[in-house]
PDB file of N, CA and C in Angstrom:
ATOM      1  N   UNK A   1     -32.319  39.629-106.204  1.00  0.00           N
ATOM      2  CA  UNK A   1     -30.864  39.591-106.136  1.00  0.00           C
ATOM      3  C   UNK A   1     -30.392  40.608-105.122  1.00  0.00           C
ATOM      4  N   UNK A   2     -30.205  40.177-103.864  1.00  0.00           N
ATOM      5  CA  UNK A   2     -29.738  41.012-102.762  1.00  0.00           C
ATOM      6  C   UNK A   2     -30.658  42.197-102.504  1.00  0.00           C
ATOM      7  N   UNK A   3     -31.911  42.096-102.872  1.00  0.00           N
ATOM      8  CA  UNK A   3     -32.859  43.174-102.648  1.00  0.00           C
ATOM      9  C   UNK A   3     -32.686  44.341-103.609  1.00  0.00           C
ATOM     10  N   UNK A   4     -31.917  44.163-104.671  1.00  0.00           N
ATOM     11  CA  UNK A   4     -31.723  45.228-105.648  1.00  0.00           C
ATOM     12  C   UNK A   4     -32.633  44.986-106.843  1.00  0.00           C
ATOM     13  N   UNK A   5     -33.236  46.062-107.327  1.00  0.00           N
ATOM     14  CA  UNK A   5     -34.051  45.972-108.519  1.00  0.00           C
ATOM     15  C   UNK A   5     -33.211  46.168-109.771  1.00  0.00           C
ATOM     16  N   UNK A   6     -33.866  46.068-110.891  1.00  0.00           N
ATOM     17  CA  UNK A   6     -33.182  46.221-112.175  1.00  0.00           C
ATOM     18  C   UNK A   6     -32.589  47.621-112.330  1.00  0.00           C
ATOM     19  N   UNK A   7     -33.332  48.641-111.895  1.00  0.00           N
ATOM     20  CA  UNK A   7     -32.851  50.022-112.031  1.00  0.00           C
ATOM     21  C   UNK A   7     -31.603  50.269-111.184  1.00  0.00           C
ATOM     22  N   UNK A   8     -31.569  49.735-109.985  1.00  0.00           N
ATOM     23  CA  UNK A   8     -30.400  49.929-109.132  1.00  0.00           C
ATOM     24  C   UNK A   8     -29.169  49.258-109.718  1.00  0.00           C
ATOM     25  N   UNK A   9     -29.352  48.084-110.300  1.00  0.00           N
ATOM     26  CA  UNK A   9     -28.217  47.381-110.910  1.00  0.00           C
ATOM     27  C   UNK A   9     -27.680  48.169-112.102  1.00  0.00           C
ATOM     28  N   UNK A  10     -28.568  48.732-112.911  1.00  0.00           N
ATOM     29  CA  UNK A  10     -28.153  49.544-114.060  1.00  0.00           C
ATOM     30  C   UNK A  10     -27.367  50.763-113.582  1.00  0.00           C
ATOM     31  N   UNK A  11     -27.830  51.420-112.534  1.00  0.00           N
ATOM     32  CA  UNK A  11     -27.122  52.604-112.002  1.00  0.00           C
ATOM     33  C   UNK A  11     -25.742  52.217-111.496  1.00  0.00           C
ATOM     34  N   UNK A  12     -25.639  51.089-110.800  1.00  0.00           N
ATOM     35  CA  UNK A  12     -24.339  50.634-110.298  1.00  0.00           C
ATOM     36  C   UNK A  12     -23.397  50.330-111.460  1.00  0.00           C
ATOM     37  N   UNK A  13     -23.894  49.691-112.501  1.00  0.00           N
ATOM     38  CA  UNK A  13     -23.059  49.392-113.669  1.00  0.00           C
ATOM     39  C   UNK A  13     -22.595  50.668-114.380  1.00  0.00           C
ATOM     40  N   UNK A  14     -23.458  51.655-114.478  1.00  0.00           N
ATOM     41  CA  UNK A  14     -23.078  52.924-115.124  1.00  0.00           C
ATOM     42  C   UNK A  14     -22.015  53.634-114.291  1.00  0.00           C
ATOM     43  N   UNK A  15     -22.169  53.656-112.990  1.00  0.00           N
ATOM     44  CA  UNK A  15     -21.172  54.299-112.123  1.00  0.00           C
ATOM     45  C   UNK A  15     -19.846  53.548-112.221  1.00  0.00           C
ATOM     46  N   UNK A  16     -19.891  52.213-112.241  1.00  0.00           N
ATOM     47  CA  UNK A  16     -18.659  51.426-112.377  1.00  0.00           C
ATOM     48  C   UNK A  16     -17.999  51.711-113.721  1.00  0.00           C
ATOM     49  N   UNK A  17     -18.788  51.847-114.767  1.00  0.00           N
ATOM     50  CA  UNK A  17     -18.242  52.153-116.092  1.00  0.00           C
ATOM     51  C   UNK A  17     -17.569  53.519-116.101  1.00  0.00           C
ATOM     52  N   UNK A  18     -18.167  54.489-115.424  1.00  0.00           N
ATOM     53  CA  UNK A  18     -17.578  55.832-115.374  1.00  0.00           C
ATOM     54  C   UNK A  18     -16.311  55.855-114.514  1.00  0.00           C
ATOM     55  N   UNK A  19     -16.310  55.157-113.407  1.00  0.00           N
ATOM     56  CA  UNK A  19     -15.153  55.190-112.502  1.00  0.00           C
ATOM     57  C   UNK A  19     -14.001  54.350-113.043  1.00  0.00           C
ATOM     58  N   UNK A  20     -14.291  53.133-113.451  1.00  0.00           N
ATOM     59  CA  UNK A  20     -13.236  52.204-113.865  1.00  0.00           C
ATOM     60  C   UNK A  20     -12.828  52.435-115.311  1.00  0.00           C
ATOM     61  N   UNK A  21     -13.771  52.705-116.133  1.00  0.00           N
ATOM     62  CA  UNK A  21     -13.475  52.926-117.549  1.00  0.00           C
ATOM     63  C   UNK A  21     -13.844  51.716-118.386  1.00  0.00           C
ATOM     64  N   UNK A  22     -14.114  51.943-119.666  1.00  0.00           N
ATOM     65  CA  UNK A  22     -14.564  50.849-120.530  1.00  0.00           C
ATOM     66  C   UNK A  22     -13.471  49.825-120.841  1.00  0.00           C
ATOM     67  N   UNK A  23     -12.218  50.200-120.744  1.00  0.00           N
ATOM     68  CA  UNK A  23     -11.138  49.261-121.076  1.00  0.00           C
ATOM     69  C   UNK A  23     -10.858  48.273-119.952  1.00  0.00           C
ATOM     70  N   UNK A  24     -10.982  48.722-118.719  1.00  0.00           N
ATOM     71  CA  UNK A  24     -10.646  47.858-117.580  1.00  0.00           C
ATOM     72  C   UNK A  24     -11.860  47.128-117.013  1.00  0.00           C
ATOM     73  N   UNK A  25     -13.063  47.526-117.383  1.00  0.00           N
ATOM     74  CA  UNK A  25     -14.260  46.901-116.836  1.00  0.00           C
ATOM     75  C   UNK A  25     -14.364  45.413-117.180  1.00  0.00           C
ATOM     76  N   UNK A  26     -14.081  44.977-118.425  1.00  0.00           N
ATOM     77  CA  UNK A  26     -14.136  43.528-118.701  1.00  0.00           C
ATOM     78  C   UNK A  26     -13.109  42.712-117.907  1.00  0.00           C
ATOM     79  N   UNK A  27     -11.919  43.284-117.718  1.00  0.00           N
ATOM     80  CA  UNK A  27     -10.897  42.590-116.920  1.00  0.00           C
ATOM     81  C   UNK A  27     -11.340  42.464-115.460  1.00  0.00           C
ATOM     82  N   UNK A  28     -11.951  43.520-114.958  1.00  0.00           N
ATOM     83  CA  UNK A  28     -12.451  43.490-113.591  1.00  0.00           C
ATOM     84  C   UNK A  28     -13.556  42.446-113.448  1.00  0.00           C
ATOM     85  N   UNK A  29     -14.466  42.402-114.416  1.00  0.00           N
ATOM     86  CA  UNK A  29     -15.554  41.421-114.371  1.00  0.00           C
ATOM     87  C   UNK A  29     -15.002  39.992-114.448  1.00  0.00           C
ATOM     88  N   UNK A  30     -13.985  39.790-115.277  1.00  0.00           N
ATOM     89  CA  UNK A  30     -13.379  38.462-115.403  1.00  0.00           C
ATOM     90  C   UNK A  30     -12.715  38.048-114.091  1.00  0.00           C
ATOM     91  N   UNK A  31     -11.997  38.945-113.460  1.00  0.00           N
ATOM     92  CA  UNK A  31     -11.321  38.599-112.205  1.00  0.00           C
ATOM     93  C   UNK A  31     -12.337  38.377-111.085  1.00  0.00           C
ATOM     94  N   UNK A  32     -13.428  39.137-111.067  1.00  0.00           N
ATOM     95  CA  UNK A  32     -14.470  38.904-110.076  1.00  0.00           C
ATOM     96  C   UNK A  32     -15.139  37.544-110.291  1.00  0.00           C
ATOM     97  N   UNK A  33     -15.366  37.190-111.552  1.00  0.00           N
ATOM     98  CA  UNK A  33     -15.950  35.889-111.858  1.00  0.00           C
ATOM     99  C   UNK A  33     -15.059  34.744-111.398  1.00  0.00           C
ATOM    100  N   UNK A  34     -13.753  34.878-111.636  1.00  0.00           N
ATOM    101  CA  UNK A  34     -12.809  33.848-111.193  1.00  0.00           C
ATOM    102  C   UNK A  34     -12.799  33.744-109.671  1.00  0.00           C
ATOM    103  N   UNK A  35     -12.828  34.883-108.993  1.00  0.00           N
ATOM    104  CA  UNK A  35     -12.806  34.880-107.529  1.00  0.00           C
ATOM    105  C   UNK A  35     -14.058  34.203-106.972  1.00  0.00           C
ATOM    106  N   UNK A  36     -15.221  34.527-107.541  1.00  0.00           N
ATOM    107  CA  UNK A  36     -16.459  33.893-107.077  1.00  0.00           C
ATOM    108  C   UNK A  36     -16.456  32.396-107.355  1.00  0.00           C
ATOM    109  N   UNK A  37     -15.929  31.979-108.504  1.00  0.00           N
ATOM    110  CA  UNK A  37     -15.875  30.562-108.842  1.00  0.00           C
ATOM    111  C   UNK A  37     -14.942  29.815-107.887  1.00  0.00           C
ATOM    112  N   UNK A  38     -13.775  30.392-107.576  1.00  0.00           N
ATOM    113  CA  UNK A  38     -12.852  29.758-106.634  1.00  0.00           C
ATOM    114  C   UNK A  38     -13.463  29.662-105.241  1.00  0.00           C
ATOM    115  N   UNK A  39     -14.174  30.711-104.839  1.00  0.00           N
ATOM    116  CA  UNK A  39     -14.830  30.693-103.536  1.00  0.00           C
ATOM    117  C   UNK A  39     -15.902  29.606-103.487  1.00  0.00           C
ATOM    118  N   UNK A  40     -16.679  29.488-104.554  1.00  0.00           N
ATOM    119  CA  UNK A  40     -17.721  28.466-104.607  1.00  0.00           C
ATOM    120  C   UNK A  40     -17.112  27.068-104.590  1.00  0.00           C
ATOM    121  N   UNK A  41     -16.030  26.864-105.355  1.00  0.00           N
ATOM    122  CA  UNK A  41     -15.367  25.556-105.359  1.00  0.00           C
ATOM    123  C   UNK A  41     -14.803  25.209-103.981  1.00  0.00           C
ATOM    124  N   UNK A  42     -14.235  26.197-103.311  1.00  0.00           N
ATOM    125  CA  UNK A  42     -13.674  25.963-101.980  1.00  0.00           C
ATOM    126  C   UNK A  42     -14.773  25.612-100.980  1.00  0.00           C
ATOM    127  N   UNK A  43     -15.898  26.317-101.021  1.00  0.00           N
ATOM    128  CA  UNK A  43     -16.985  26.005-100.094  1.00  0.00           C
ATOM    129  C   UNK A  43     -17.613  24.651-100.413  1.00  0.00           C
ATOM    130  N   UNK A  44     -17.747  24.301-101.687  1.00  0.00           N
ATOM    131  CA  UNK A  44     -18.279  22.987-102.053  1.00  0.00           C
ATOM    132  C   UNK A  44     -17.350  21.875-101.581  1.00  0.00           C
ATOM    133  N   UNK A  45     -16.042  22.083-101.718  1.00  0.00           N
ATOM    134  CA  UNK A  45     -15.064  21.093-101.262  1.00  0.00           C
ATOM    135  C   UNK A  45     -15.134  20.936 -99.749  1.00  0.00           C
ATOM    136  N   UNK A  46     -15.270  22.049 -99.047  1.00  0.00           N
ATOM    137  CA  UNK A  46     -15.380  22.000 -97.593  1.00  0.00           C
ATOM    138  C   UNK A  46     -16.645  21.263 -97.177  1.00  0.00           C
ATOM    139  N   UNK A  47     -17.758  21.529 -97.836  1.00  0.00           N
ATOM    140  CA  UNK A  47     -19.011  20.833 -97.526  1.00  0.00           C
ATOM    141  C   UNK A  47     -18.872  19.337 -97.789  1.00  0.00           C
ATOM    142  N   UNK A  48     -18.243  18.985 -98.889  1.00  0.00           N
ATOM    143  CA  UNK A  48     -18.075  17.571 -99.229  1.00  0.00           C
ATOM    144  C   UNK A  48     -17.202  16.873 -98.187  1.00  0.00           C
ATOM    145  N   UNK A  49     -16.106  17.503 -97.792  1.00  0.00           N
ATOM    146  CA  UNK A  49     -15.236  16.911 -96.768  1.00  0.00           C
ATOM    147  C   UNK A  49     -15.969  16.768 -95.443  1.00  0.00           C
ATOM    148  N   UNK A  50     -16.774  17.748 -95.084  1.00  0.00           N
ATOM    149  CA  UNK A  50     -17.524  17.687 -93.844  1.00  0.00           C
ATOM    150  C   UNK A  50     -18.546  16.554 -93.905  1.00  0.00           C
ATOM    151  N   UNK A  51     -19.223  16.382 -95.030  1.00  0.00           N
ATOM    152  CA  UNK A  51     -20.198  15.301 -95.178  1.00  0.00           C
ATOM    153  C   UNK A  51     -19.517  13.938 -95.096  1.00  0.00           C
ATOM    154  N   UNK A  52     -18.357  13.800 -95.712  1.00  0.00           N
ATOM    155  CA  UNK A  52     -17.631  12.528 -95.667  1.00  0.00           C
ATOM    156  C   UNK A  52     -17.190  12.225 -94.245  1.00  0.00           C
ATOM    157  N   UNK A  53     -16.718  13.242 -93.523  1.00  0.00           N
ATOM    158  CA  UNK A  53     -16.276  13.031 -92.144  1.00  0.00           C
ATOM    159  C   UNK A  53     -17.438  12.609 -91.256  1.00  0.00           C
ATOM    160  N   UNK A  54     -18.597  13.213 -91.441  1.00  0.00           N
ATOM    161  CA  UNK A  54     -19.722  12.854 -90.586  1.00  0.00           C
ATOM    162  C   UNK A  54     -20.256  11.468 -90.926  1.00  0.00           C
ATOM    163  N   UNK A  55     -20.149  11.048 -92.177  1.00  0.00           N
ATOM    164  CA  UNK A  55     -20.621   9.724 -92.566  1.00  0.00           C
ATOM    165  C   UNK A  55     -19.674   8.652 -92.044  1.00  0.00           C
ATOM    166  N   UNK A  56     -18.372   8.884 -92.155  1.00  0.00           N
ATOM    167  CA  UNK A  56     -17.400   7.857 -91.781  1.00  0.00           C
ATOM    168  C   UNK A  56     -17.149   7.791 -90.277  1.00  0.00           C
ATOM    169  N   UNK A  57     -17.552   8.817 -89.554  1.00  0.00           N
ATOM    170  CA  UNK A  57     -17.330   8.813 -88.117  1.00  0.00           C
ATOM    171  C   UNK A  57     -18.266   7.794 -87.489  1.00  0.00           C
ATOM    172  N   UNK A  58     -17.689   6.872 -86.766  1.00  0.00           N
ATOM    173  CA  UNK A  58     -18.489   5.848 -86.110  1.00  0.00           C
ATOM    174  C   UNK A  58     -18.688   6.248 -84.660  1.00  0.00           C
ATOM    175  N   UNK A  59     -19.928   6.332 -84.264  1.00  0.00           N
ATOM    176  CA  UNK A  59     -20.224   6.653 -82.879  1.00  0.00           C
ATOM    177  C   UNK A  59     -20.533   5.355 -82.146  1.00  0.00           C
ATOM    178  N   UNK A  60     -19.877   5.185 -81.022  1.00  0.00           N
ATOM    179  CA  UNK A  60     -20.119   3.981 -80.242  1.00  0.00           C
ATOM    180  C   UNK A  60     -21.368   4.192 -79.399  1.00  0.00           C
ATOM    181  N   UNK A  61     -22.243   3.198 -79.354  1.00  0.00           N
ATOM    182  CA  UNK A  61     -23.452   3.353 -78.546  1.00  0.00           C
ATOM    183  C   UNK A  61     -23.093   3.327 -77.065  1.00  0.00           C
ATOM    184  N   UNK A  62     -23.857   3.994 -76.234  1.00  0.00           N
ATOM    185  CA  UNK A  62     -23.543   3.991 -74.799  1.00  0.00           C
ATOM    186  C   UNK A  62     -23.733   2.599 -74.228  1.00  0.00           C
ATOM    187  N   UNK A  63     -22.884   2.275 -73.265  1.00  0.00           N
ATOM    188  CA  UNK A  63     -22.954   0.965 -72.625  1.00  0.00           C
ATOM    189  C   UNK A  63     -24.148   0.928 -71.684  1.00  0.00           C
ATOM    190  N   UNK A  64     -24.839  -0.213 -71.609  1.00  0.00           N
ATOM    191  CA  UNK A  64     -25.972  -0.293 -70.678  1.00  0.00           C
ATOM    192  C   UNK A  64     -25.472  -0.271 -69.239  1.00  0.00           C
ATOM    193  N   UNK A  65     -26.254   0.334 -68.379  1.00  0.00           N
ATOM    194  CA  UNK A  65     -25.864   0.439 -66.976  1.00  0.00           C
ATOM    195  C   UNK A  65     -26.084  -0.911 -66.308  1.00  0.00           C
ATOM    196  N   UNK A  66     -25.020  -1.430 -65.700  1.00  0.00           N
ATOM    197  CA  UNK A  66     -25.091  -2.742 -65.063  1.00  0.00           C
ATOM    198  C   UNK A  66     -25.180  -2.567 -63.551  1.00  0.00           C
ATOM    199  N   UNK A  67     -25.936  -3.440 -62.901  1.00  0.00           N
ATOM    200  CA  UNK A  67     -26.024  -3.342 -61.436  1.00  0.00           C
ATOM    201  C   UNK A  67     -24.690  -3.736 -60.815  1.00  0.00           C
ATOM    202  N   UNK A  68     -24.393  -3.232 -59.633  1.00  0.00           N
ATOM    203  CA  UNK A  68     -23.127  -3.603 -58.976  1.00  0.00           C
ATOM    204  C   UNK A  68     -23.133  -5.082 -58.646  1.00  0.00           C
ATOM    205  N   UNK A  69     -21.962  -5.697 -58.628  1.00  0.00           N
ATOM    206  CA  UNK A  69     -21.896  -7.132 -58.313  1.00  0.00           C
ATOM    207  C   UNK A  69     -22.342  -7.412 -56.882  1.00  0.00           C
ATOM    208  N   UNK A  70     -22.842  -8.607 -56.650  1.00  0.00           N
ATOM    209  CA  UNK A  70     -23.344  -8.997 -55.328  1.00  0.00           C
ATOM    210  C   UNK A  70     -22.186  -9.069 -54.334  1.00  0.00           C
ATOM    211  N   UNK A  71     -22.472  -8.698 -53.095  1.00  0.00           N
ATOM    212  CA  UNK A  71     -21.452  -8.769 -52.055  1.00  0.00           C
ATOM    213  C   UNK A  71     -20.669  -7.485 -51.907  1.00  0.00           C
ATOM    214  N   UNK A  72     -21.018  -6.438 -52.599  1.00  0.00           N
ATOM    215  CA  UNK A  72     -20.302  -5.172 -52.444  1.00  0.00           C
ATOM    216  C   UNK A  72     -20.853  -4.447 -51.234  1.00  0.00           C
ATOM    217  N   UNK A  73     -20.211  -3.357 -50.839  1.00  0.00           N
ATOM    218  CA  UNK A  73     -20.614  -2.628 -49.653  1.00  0.00           C
ATOM    219  C   UNK A  73     -21.992  -2.010 -49.802  1.00  0.00           C
ATOM    220  N   UNK A  74     -22.337  -1.544 -50.992  1.00  0.00           N
ATOM    221  CA  UNK A  74     -23.659  -0.963 -51.164  1.00  0.00           C
ATOM    222  C   UNK A  74     -24.731  -2.026 -50.996  1.00  0.00           C
ATOM    223  N   UNK A  75     -24.430  -3.250 -51.420  1.00  0.00           N
ATOM    224  CA  UNK A  75     -25.382  -4.341 -51.280  1.00  0.00           C
ATOM    225  C   UNK A  75     -25.534  -4.721 -49.806  1.00  0.00           C
ATOM    226  N   UNK A  76     -24.433  -4.722 -49.046  1.00  0.00           N
ATOM    227  CA  UNK A  76     -24.471  -5.048 -47.616  1.00  0.00           C
ATOM    228  C   UNK A  76     -25.224  -3.976 -46.838  1.00  0.00           C
ATOM    229  N   UNK A  77     -25.035  -2.695 -47.221  1.00  0.00           N
ATOM    230  CA  UNK A  77     -25.721  -1.613 -46.536  1.00  0.00           C
ATOM    231  C   UNK A  77     -27.226  -1.705 -46.791  1.00  0.00           C
ATOM    232  N   UNK A  78     -27.610  -2.090 -47.955  1.00  0.00           N
ATOM    233  CA  UNK A  78     -29.024  -2.217 -48.272  1.00  0.00           C
ATOM    234  C   UNK A  78     -29.652  -3.350 -47.468  1.00  0.00           C
ATOM    235  N   UNK A  79     -28.944  -4.446 -47.292  1.00  0.00           N
ATOM    236  CA  UNK A  79     -29.498  -5.577 -46.536  1.00  0.00           C
ATOM    237  C   UNK A  79     -29.569  -5.250 -45.048  1.00  0.00           C
ATOM    238  N   UNK A  80     -28.607  -4.462 -44.514  1.00  0.00           N
ATOM    239  CA  UNK A  80     -28.646  -4.074 -43.114  1.00  0.00           C
ATOM    240  C   UNK A  80     -29.833  -3.167 -42.849  1.00  0.00           C
ATOM    241  N   UNK A  81     -30.120  -2.257 -43.782  1.00  0.00           N
ATOM    242  CA  UNK A  81     -31.222  -1.332 -43.597  1.00  0.00           C
ATOM    243  C   UNK A  81     -32.558  -2.065 -43.658  1.00  0.00           C
ATOM    244  N   UNK A  82     -32.642  -3.073 -44.504  1.00  0.00           N
ATOM    245  CA  UNK A  82     -33.912  -3.776 -44.672  1.00  0.00           C
ATOM    246  C   UNK A  82     -34.189  -4.736 -43.523  1.00  0.00           C
ATOM    247  N   UNK A  83     -33.173  -5.101 -42.719  1.00  0.00           N
ATOM    248  CA  UNK A  83     -33.406  -6.045 -41.632  1.00  0.00           C
ATOM    249  C   UNK A  83     -33.720  -5.385 -40.343  1.00  0.00           C
TER     250      UNK A  83
END
């Protein structure tokens, strides 16, 4: 979990308990949980919308390259060079 061991997490919780206090710590944990849940829901919604957009987007295949019509200047220049 973020490269933290069990001992480091316990120390962080004890420091938070001392700084914030036992009465406000549950409220803080609840608000952090709500914030993380909203963030996760927002990112999941964004991923879903992005997936739907990429699926529904229709890409047109490239048109095949067609030779120039007969009788054009490039065709006349080629025949002059070959004669």
